């Protein structure tokens, strides 16, 4: 059997699964079946940020024009004091190159889905895998109605509750972070600058940025609390709760929160990066391999990187288990470092007591002396180009 004739079965129709399906079809010539348990390829209304390390993958897949059409290029990240809304630090983002993009998650899924359909990916909806057998040479997924789908590769891109993740790692024991997050979309202002703004307060912070040309505004508000909310994206909450949690915030925040209706609420849990990303001919990618907190805005970007590197390794190594081992080796340390950086940001945004004004003062002074230093600090993250590090011919 030649590599061009191989068949991949992908579980999950989110960013990771769709990106892998496009990469395997367009760059490796594989036959691809994508199984999505939802009745449609849709996402809960939310925004996300695609940084250059993710944008280069979309570019390599021929989707840079589509990304530009549905996103806004971010000019800056602005850190603000939550109480008054005063600017603490403005970090200008590079105008050239792959760029930083503010995009509605549903729009990113739509362009990836369109590319998958154009490439001839067999997308099957309402198909939930309840059991997997990853052992080769033909791993299989058992669906909810008892049907079996098998291929040369079984790739789990179906999130941290993936049945493949549990098969490889056993039952998860996530740790509640002591934080919950609300997510909402409100009407926007077409004249709003394309900036991601972070309002920092004791034990809480709020991130907001425009979407779809400014017609929408994305809001993510995080609060520390002892009680926890169920992990997931499908819990509706009373908007009065988020307004009460951020009642002490100033600037534009009160006006934004006054417009929130029925926000989504979820508890934030810390999961360990998977110690083993594959078994036999089964493999994990995206959140199934390395669930991350949202404080570096890297979930979708890591999924895009995973899809590219996995494709590159499957082309480089004829034996699938060897390819999967190489993929894990190439990705594990980087994913672990990104997850750790997200954990650290959660602490930095929520400083209390005398440390908080001192930290803000240090940021203001540092911003005057070396305004690009914070960006250079994360150059290892945003400047990394997996399409060059792992070329696909």
Protein backbone atom coordinates (compact mmCIF):
# COMPACT_ATOMS: atom_id res chain seq x y z
CA UNK A 1 0.00 0.00 0.00
CA UNK A 2 1.38 3.41 -0.90
CA UNK A 3 1.19 6.47 1.30
CA UNK A 4 -1.13 8.11 -1.26
CA UNK A 5 -3.69 5.33 -0.76
CA UNK A 6 -3.78 5.50 3.01
CA UNK A 7 -6.98 6.34 4.84
CA UNK A 8 -7.25 8.53 7.93
CA UNK A 9 -10.31 8.53 10.19
CA UNK A 10 -10.47 11.78 12.17
CA UNK A 11 -12.66 12.20 15.23
CA UNK A 12 -13.82 15.79 15.71
CA UNK A 13 -14.77 18.58 13.33
CA UNK A 14 -13.25 21.53 15.17
CA UNK A 15 -10.12 23.47 14.25
CA UNK A 16 -7.71 20.56 14.88
CA UNK A 17 -9.71 17.92 13.01
CA UNK A 18 -10.55 20.11 10.03
CA UNK A 19 -6.98 21.40 9.71
CA UNK A 20 -5.61 17.86 9.78
CA UNK A 21 -8.14 16.72 7.18
CA UNK A 22 -7.13 19.54 4.83
CA UNK A 23 -3.40 18.96 5.38
CA UNK A 24 -3.61 15.20 4.84
CA UNK A 25 -5.69 15.57 1.67
CA UNK A 26 -3.95 18.58 0.12
CA UNK A 27 -0.35 17.90 1.12
CA UNK A 28 -0.17 14.12 1.60
CA UNK A 29 -2.85 12.76 -0.72
CA UNK A 30 -4.54 10.64 1.94
CA UNK A 31 -8.18 9.63 1.82
CA UNK A 32 -9.89 11.21 4.82
CA UNK A 33 -13.09 10.49 6.70
CA UNK A 34 -14.01 13.06 9.34
CA UNK A 35 -16.56 12.09 12.02
CA UNK A 36 -18.28 14.89 13.94
CA UNK A 37 -20.79 14.13 16.67
CA UNK A 38 -22.72 17.41 16.25
CA UNK A 39 -25.42 17.73 13.55
CA UNK A 40 -23.50 20.59 11.91
CA UNK A 41 -19.98 22.01 11.78
CA UNK A 42 -20.74 24.93 14.05
CA UNK A 43 -19.16 26.53 17.10
CA UNK A 44 -20.56 28.31 20.13
CA UNK A 45 -20.42 32.00 19.31
CA UNK A 46 -17.02 33.19 20.46
CA UNK A 47 -13.89 34.93 19.29
CA UNK A 48 -10.35 33.70 19.17
CA UNK A 49 -6.93 35.05 18.34
CA UNK A 50 -4.77 33.55 15.62
CA UNK A 51 -1.17 34.55 16.21
CA UNK A 52 1.59 34.27 13.57
CA UNK A 53 2.53 30.70 14.56
CA UNK A 54 -1.01 29.59 13.67
CA UNK A 55 -1.45 31.94 10.71
CA UNK A 56 1.60 30.50 8.92
CA UNK A 57 -0.07 27.08 8.91
CA UNK A 58 -3.24 28.49 7.39
CA UNK A 59 -1.04 30.22 4.81
CA UNK A 60 0.76 26.98 3.96
CA UNK A 61 -2.65 25.35 3.43
CA UNK A 62 -3.59 28.09 0.97
CA UNK A 63 -6.04 29.74 3.36
CA UNK A 64 -4.31 33.06 4.07
CA UNK A 65 -6.69 35.05 1.80
CA UNK A 66 -9.70 33.40 3.45
CA UNK A 67 -8.33 34.23 6.91
CA UNK A 68 -7.74 37.86 5.93
CA UNK A 69 -11.30 38.08 4.60
CA UNK A 70 -12.96 36.98 7.85
CA UNK A 71 -10.58 38.40 10.46
CA UNK A 72 -9.24 41.71 11.71
CA UNK A 73 -5.49 42.19 12.01
CA UNK A 74 -4.74 43.18 15.60
CA UNK A 75 -2.65 46.31 16.07
CA UNK A 76 -1.87 45.89 19.75
CA UNK A 77 -2.48 44.25 23.08
CA UNK A 78 -3.35 46.83 25.73
CA UNK A 79 -3.10 46.05 29.45
CA UNK A 80 -5.37 48.25 31.60
CA UNK A 81 -6.04 48.72 35.27
CA UNK A 82 -9.48 47.32 35.90
CA UNK A 83 -10.59 49.89 38.45
CA UNK A 84 -10.23 53.01 36.31
CA UNK A 85 -9.62 51.47 32.92
CA UNK A 86 -6.35 53.43 32.69
CA UNK A 87 -3.68 52.12 30.34
CA UNK A 88 -0.83 50.27 32.00
CA UNK A 89 1.02 49.05 28.91
CA UNK A 90 0.38 49.06 25.16
CA UNK A 91 2.25 46.43 23.18
CA UNK A 92 2.19 47.23 19.47
CA UNK A 93 2.00 44.13 17.28
CA UNK A 94 3.98 43.75 14.04
CA UNK A 95 2.04 44.98 11.03
CA UNK A 96 3.71 42.67 8.51
CA UNK A 97 4.23 38.97 8.17
CA UNK A 98 1.62 36.39 9.02
CA UNK A 99 0.12 38.74 11.60
CA UNK A 100 -2.12 38.55 14.64
CA UNK A 101 -5.77 38.00 13.75
CA UNK A 102 -9.01 38.54 15.66
CA UNK A 103 -11.58 36.12 14.27
CA UNK A 104 -14.92 34.60 15.15
CA UNK A 105 -14.42 30.91 15.86
CA UNK A 106 -17.34 29.99 13.60
CA UNK A 107 -15.71 31.86 10.70
CA UNK A 108 -12.45 29.97 11.11
CA UNK A 109 -14.32 26.67 11.23
CA UNK A 110 -16.24 27.69 8.10
CA UNK A 111 -13.14 28.39 6.01
CA UNK A 112 -11.51 25.13 7.15
CA UNK A 113 -14.72 23.19 6.43
CA UNK A 114 -14.99 24.74 2.97
CA UNK A 115 -11.39 23.72 2.25
CA UNK A 116 -12.07 20.19 3.51
CA UNK A 117 -15.11 19.82 1.25
CA UNK A 118 -13.18 21.25 -1.71
CA UNK A 119 -10.44 18.66 -1.12
CA UNK A 120 -12.96 15.81 -1.10
CA UNK A 121 -12.88 15.00 2.61
CA UNK A 122 -15.76 12.68 3.55
CA UNK A 123 -17.40 14.69 6.34
CA UNK A 124 -19.99 12.74 8.34
CA UNK A 125 -22.14 14.52 10.91
CA UNK A 126 -24.09 13.09 13.84
CA UNK A 127 -21.40 10.41 14.25
CA UNK A 128 -20.17 9.88 17.81
CA UNK A 129 -17.40 7.42 18.62
CA UNK A 130 -18.12 5.59 21.88
CA UNK A 131 -15.15 3.23 21.77
CA UNK A 132 -11.87 3.02 19.87
CA UNK A 133 -9.33 0.32 19.19
CA UNK A 134 -6.13 2.09 18.12
CA UNK A 135 -4.09 -1.03 17.48
CA UNK A 136 -2.91 -1.49 13.91
CA UNK A 137 -2.80 -2.15 11.14
CA UNK A 138 -6.45 -0.98 10.90
CA UNK A 139 -7.52 0.92 14.01
CA UNK A 140 -11.25 1.32 14.41
CA UNK A 141 -13.87 3.56 15.94
CA UNK A 142 -17.12 2.07 17.18
CA UNK A 143 -19.98 4.52 16.69
CA UNK A 144 -22.99 5.12 18.91
CA UNK A 145 -25.18 2.81 16.80
CA UNK A 146 -22.67 -0.03 16.70
CA UNK A 147 -21.25 0.64 13.25
CA UNK A 148 -17.47 0.38 12.89
CA UNK A 149 -15.28 2.75 10.89
CA UNK A 150 -11.67 1.80 10.30
CA UNK A 151 -8.65 3.18 8.49
CA UNK A 152 -4.86 3.20 8.54
CA UNK A 153 -4.81 6.02 11.09
CA UNK A 154 -7.29 7.04 13.80
CA UNK A 155 -6.70 10.67 14.84
CA UNK A 156 -8.54 12.04 17.88
CA UNK A 157 -9.19 15.76 17.56
CA UNK A 158 -12.34 15.68 19.68
CA UNK A 159 -11.21 17.58 22.75
CA UNK A 160 -10.19 16.80 26.28
CA UNK A 161 -13.11 14.38 26.77
CA UNK A 162 -11.91 12.30 23.82
CA UNK A 163 -12.55 8.58 24.10
CA UNK A 164 -9.10 8.07 22.54
CA UNK A 165 -7.45 10.18 25.24
CA UNK A 166 -9.07 8.02 27.91
CA UNK A 167 -8.08 4.83 26.05
CA UNK A 168 -4.43 5.90 25.94
CA UNK A 169 -4.14 7.67 29.31
CA UNK A 170 -6.94 6.31 31.47
CA UNK A 171 -9.54 8.40 33.26
CA UNK A 172 -8.56 12.06 33.74
CA UNK A 173 -8.37 13.77 37.12
CA UNK A 174 -8.34 17.48 36.26
CA UNK A 175 -7.71 20.07 38.96
CA UNK A 176 -10.10 22.99 39.34
CA UNK A 177 -8.10 26.22 39.06
CA UNK A 178 -10.39 28.19 41.35
CA UNK A 179 -11.47 30.25 38.35
CA UNK A 180 -14.57 30.46 36.21
CA UNK A 181 -15.02 32.32 32.95
CA UNK A 182 -17.92 33.98 31.22
CA UNK A 183 -17.91 34.36 27.45
CA UNK A 184 -20.22 36.66 25.53
CA UNK A 185 -20.66 38.56 22.28
CA UNK A 186 -22.23 42.01 22.20
CA UNK A 187 -22.89 44.51 19.39
CA UNK A 188 -19.69 46.28 18.42
CA UNK A 189 -18.47 49.60 17.09
CA UNK A 190 -17.06 49.65 13.53
CA UNK A 191 -14.72 52.46 14.62
CA UNK A 192 -13.22 50.47 17.50
CA UNK A 193 -9.46 49.95 17.13
CA UNK A 194 -8.41 46.36 16.36
CA UNK A 195 -6.86 45.78 19.76
CA UNK A 196 -7.11 43.10 22.40
CA UNK A 197 -7.67 44.84 25.72
CA UNK A 198 -7.00 43.19 29.07
CA UNK A 199 -8.54 44.82 32.18
CA UNK A 200 -6.74 43.51 35.29
CA UNK A 201 -8.17 43.51 38.80
CA UNK A 202 -7.70 41.70 42.12
CA UNK A 203 -8.72 38.11 41.57
CA UNK A 204 -10.28 38.75 38.17
CA UNK A 205 -9.66 40.08 34.68
CA UNK A 206 -11.59 40.78 31.50
CA UNK A 207 -10.38 40.46 27.90
CA UNK A 208 -12.20 42.08 25.00
CA UNK A 209 -11.63 42.68 21.30
CA UNK A 210 -13.68 43.46 18.18
CA UNK A 211 -14.76 40.89 15.59
CA UNK A 212 -16.18 40.94 12.06
CA UNK A 213 -15.05 44.42 11.16
CA UNK A 214 -16.09 45.77 14.54
CA UNK A 215 -19.74 44.73 14.22
CA UNK A 216 -19.29 42.44 17.25
CA UNK A 217 -17.27 42.62 20.46
CA UNK A 218 -15.95 39.50 22.16
CA UNK A 219 -15.80 39.40 25.95
CA UNK A 220 -14.13 36.85 28.21
CA UNK A 221 -14.36 37.61 31.93
CA UNK A 222 -12.53 35.47 34.48
CA UNK A 223 -13.18 35.43 38.23
CA UNK A 224 -11.54 33.53 41.07
CA UNK A 225 -14.00 31.69 43.30
CA UNK A 226 -14.11 28.75 45.65
CA UNK A 227 -17.22 27.17 44.14
CA UNK A 228 -16.76 25.67 40.71
CA UNK A 229 -18.84 25.49 37.56
CA UNK A 230 -19.07 22.35 35.45
CA UNK A 231 -16.36 22.03 32.87
CA UNK A 232 -17.71 22.73 29.40
CA UNK A 233 -19.01 25.44 27.09
CA UNK A 234 -22.74 24.83 27.24
CA UNK A 235 -23.79 26.37 30.57
CA UNK A 236 -25.89 29.51 30.32
CA UNK A 237 -25.70 31.98 33.20
CA UNK A 238 -27.55 35.09 34.32
CA UNK A 239 -25.81 38.21 33.01
CA UNK A 240 -26.38 39.83 36.41
CA UNK A 241 -23.72 37.52 37.84
CA UNK A 242 -20.94 38.74 35.56
CA UNK A 243 -22.01 42.35 36.07
CA UNK A 244 -21.85 41.87 39.84
CA UNK A 245 -18.43 40.20 39.65
CA UNK A 246 -16.99 43.15 37.72
CA UNK A 247 -18.98 45.96 39.38
CA UNK A 248 -15.76 47.65 40.51
CA UNK A 249 -14.33 47.92 37.01
CA UNK A 250 -14.28 51.22 35.14
CA UNK A 251 -13.60 52.53 31.64
CA UNK A 252 -15.80 50.93 28.98
CA UNK A 253 -16.38 47.71 30.96
CA UNK A 254 -19.68 48.70 32.65
CA UNK A 255 -21.16 49.76 29.30
CA UNK A 256 -20.05 46.52 27.65
CA UNK A 257 -21.41 44.31 30.42
CA UNK A 258 -24.73 46.17 30.41
CA UNK A 259 -25.26 44.74 26.91
CA UNK A 260 -24.47 41.13 27.82
CA UNK A 261 -27.40 38.71 27.64
CA UNK A 262 -27.22 35.03 28.59
CA UNK A 263 -23.43 34.62 28.76
CA UNK A 264 -21.83 31.20 28.64
CA UNK A 265 -20.14 30.14 31.87
CA UNK A 266 -17.55 27.43 32.37
CA UNK A 267 -15.17 26.30 35.07
CA UNK A 268 -11.47 26.36 34.25
CA UNK A 269 -9.65 23.13 34.99
CA UNK A 270 -5.96 22.39 34.73
CA UNK A 271 -5.15 19.21 32.82
CA UNK A 272 -1.72 17.71 32.43
CA UNK A 273 -0.28 17.56 28.94
CA UNK A 274 -0.64 13.96 27.79
CA UNK A 275 2.43 11.89 28.63
CA UNK A 276 1.79 9.70 25.60
CA UNK A 277 0.13 11.07 22.47
CA UNK A 278 -0.27 7.82 20.55
CA UNK A 279 -0.96 4.13 20.80
CA UNK A 280 -0.61 1.78 17.85
CA UNK A 281 -2.12 3.63 14.90
CA UNK A 282 -4.15 6.04 17.08
CA UNK A 283 -3.01 9.58 17.89
CA UNK A 284 -4.11 12.67 19.82
CA UNK A 285 -3.96 16.28 18.69
CA UNK A 286 -5.32 19.63 19.81
CA UNK A 287 -7.06 19.75 23.18
CA UNK A 288 -7.15 15.95 23.29
CA UNK A 289 -3.35 16.02 23.68
CA UNK A 290 -2.73 19.27 25.55
CA UNK A 291 -5.75 21.07 27.03
CA UNK A 292 -4.75 24.61 27.93
CA UNK A 293 -6.16 27.50 29.87
CA UNK A 294 -7.17 30.42 27.62
CA UNK A 295 -4.68 32.96 28.99
CA UNK A 296 -2.22 32.83 26.07
CA UNK A 297 -4.91 32.49 23.37
CA UNK A 298 -3.10 29.45 21.95
CA UNK A 299 -5.66 26.65 21.82
CA UNK A 300 -6.49 27.04 18.12
CA UNK A 301 -2.91 27.91 17.23
CA UNK A 302 -1.53 24.75 18.84
CA UNK A 303 -4.19 22.73 17.02
CA UNK A 304 -3.05 24.17 13.69
CA UNK A 305 0.60 23.44 14.52
CA UNK A 306 -0.28 19.87 15.52
CA UNK A 307 -2.12 19.23 12.25
CA UNK A 308 0.83 20.39 10.18
CA UNK A 309 3.53 18.52 12.12
CA UNK A 310 1.53 15.28 12.19
CA UNK A 311 1.09 15.48 8.41
CA UNK A 312 4.81 16.16 7.95
CA UNK A 313 5.79 13.16 10.07
CA UNK A 314 3.36 10.84 8.27
CA UNK A 315 5.00 11.86 5.00
CA UNK A 316 8.52 11.49 6.39
CA UNK A 317 8.07 8.04 7.94
CA UNK A 318 6.48 5.14 6.06
CA UNK A 319 5.70 3.23 9.27
CA UNK A 320 2.79 4.93 11.02
CA UNK A 321 3.83 4.19 14.64
CA UNK A 322 7.26 5.62 13.88
CA UNK A 323 5.63 8.73 12.41
CA UNK A 324 3.44 9.16 15.48
CA UNK A 325 6.45 8.82 17.80
CA UNK A 326 8.28 11.49 15.80
CA UNK A 327 5.22 13.75 15.98
CA UNK A 328 5.07 13.45 19.76
CA UNK A 329 8.80 14.14 20.05
CA UNK A 330 8.44 17.24 17.89
CA UNK A 331 5.43 18.64 19.77
CA UNK A 332 5.52 17.62 23.42
CA UNK A 333 8.06 20.06 24.85
CA UNK A 334 6.62 23.05 22.97
CA UNK A 335 3.05 22.25 24.01
CA UNK A 336 4.15 21.85 27.62
CA UNK A 337 5.89 25.23 27.58
CA UNK A 338 2.84 26.97 26.11
CA UNK A 339 0.50 25.43 28.68
CA UNK A 340 2.86 26.55 31.48
CA UNK A 341 2.92 30.11 30.08
CA UNK A 342 -0.88 30.20 30.08
CA UNK A 343 -0.93 29.05 33.70
CA UNK A 344 1.51 31.84 34.65
CA UNK A 345 -0.55 34.52 32.90
CA UNK A 346 -3.58 33.61 34.99
CA UNK A 347 -1.60 34.55 38.11
CA UNK A 348 -0.13 37.74 36.63
CA UNK A 349 -3.52 39.20 35.69
CA UNK A 350 -5.02 38.69 39.17
CA UNK A 351 -2.46 40.27 41.51
CA UNK A 352 -3.79 41.56 44.84
CA UNK A 353 -2.64 43.88 47.62
CA UNK A 354 0.58 45.93 47.43
CA UNK A 355 2.03 43.74 44.67
CA UNK A 356 -0.59 44.93 42.19
CA UNK A 357 0.26 48.68 41.98
CA UNK A 358 3.97 47.89 42.12
CA UNK A 359 3.63 45.44 39.22
CA UNK A 360 1.59 47.94 37.18
CA UNK A 361 4.17 50.66 37.85
CA UNK A 362 6.95 48.34 36.69
CA UNK A 363 5.02 47.61 33.50
CA UNK A 364 4.50 51.34 32.82
CA UNK A 365 8.17 52.15 33.34
CA UNK A 366 9.26 49.16 31.30
CA UNK A 367 6.88 50.16 28.53
CA UNK A 368 8.54 53.57 28.26
CA UNK A 369 12.09 52.22 28.34
CA UNK A 370 11.67 49.12 26.17
CA UNK A 371 8.12 48.98 24.75
CA UNK A 372 8.77 45.85 22.68
CA UNK A 373 10.41 43.85 25.45
CA UNK A 374 7.20 41.97 26.44
CA UNK A 375 6.69 40.88 22.84
CA UNK A 376 10.29 39.73 22.52
CA UNK A 377 9.78 37.72 25.69
CA UNK A 378 7.29 35.57 23.80
CA UNK A 379 9.17 35.48 20.52
CA UNK A 380 9.75 31.76 21.08
CA UNK A 381 6.00 31.31 20.87
CA UNK A 382 4.75 33.63 18.13
CA UNK A 383 7.78 33.54 15.83
CA UNK A 384 7.96 29.76 15.62
CA UNK A 385 7.11 28.48 12.13
CA UNK A 386 6.32 24.77 12.01
CA UNK A 387 6.02 24.87 8.22
CA UNK A 388 9.74 25.70 8.02
CA UNK A 389 10.83 23.53 10.91
CA UNK A 390 8.96 20.55 9.42
CA UNK A 391 8.57 21.13 5.68
CA UNK A 392 5.98 19.23 3.72
CA UNK A 393 7.01 18.76 0.11
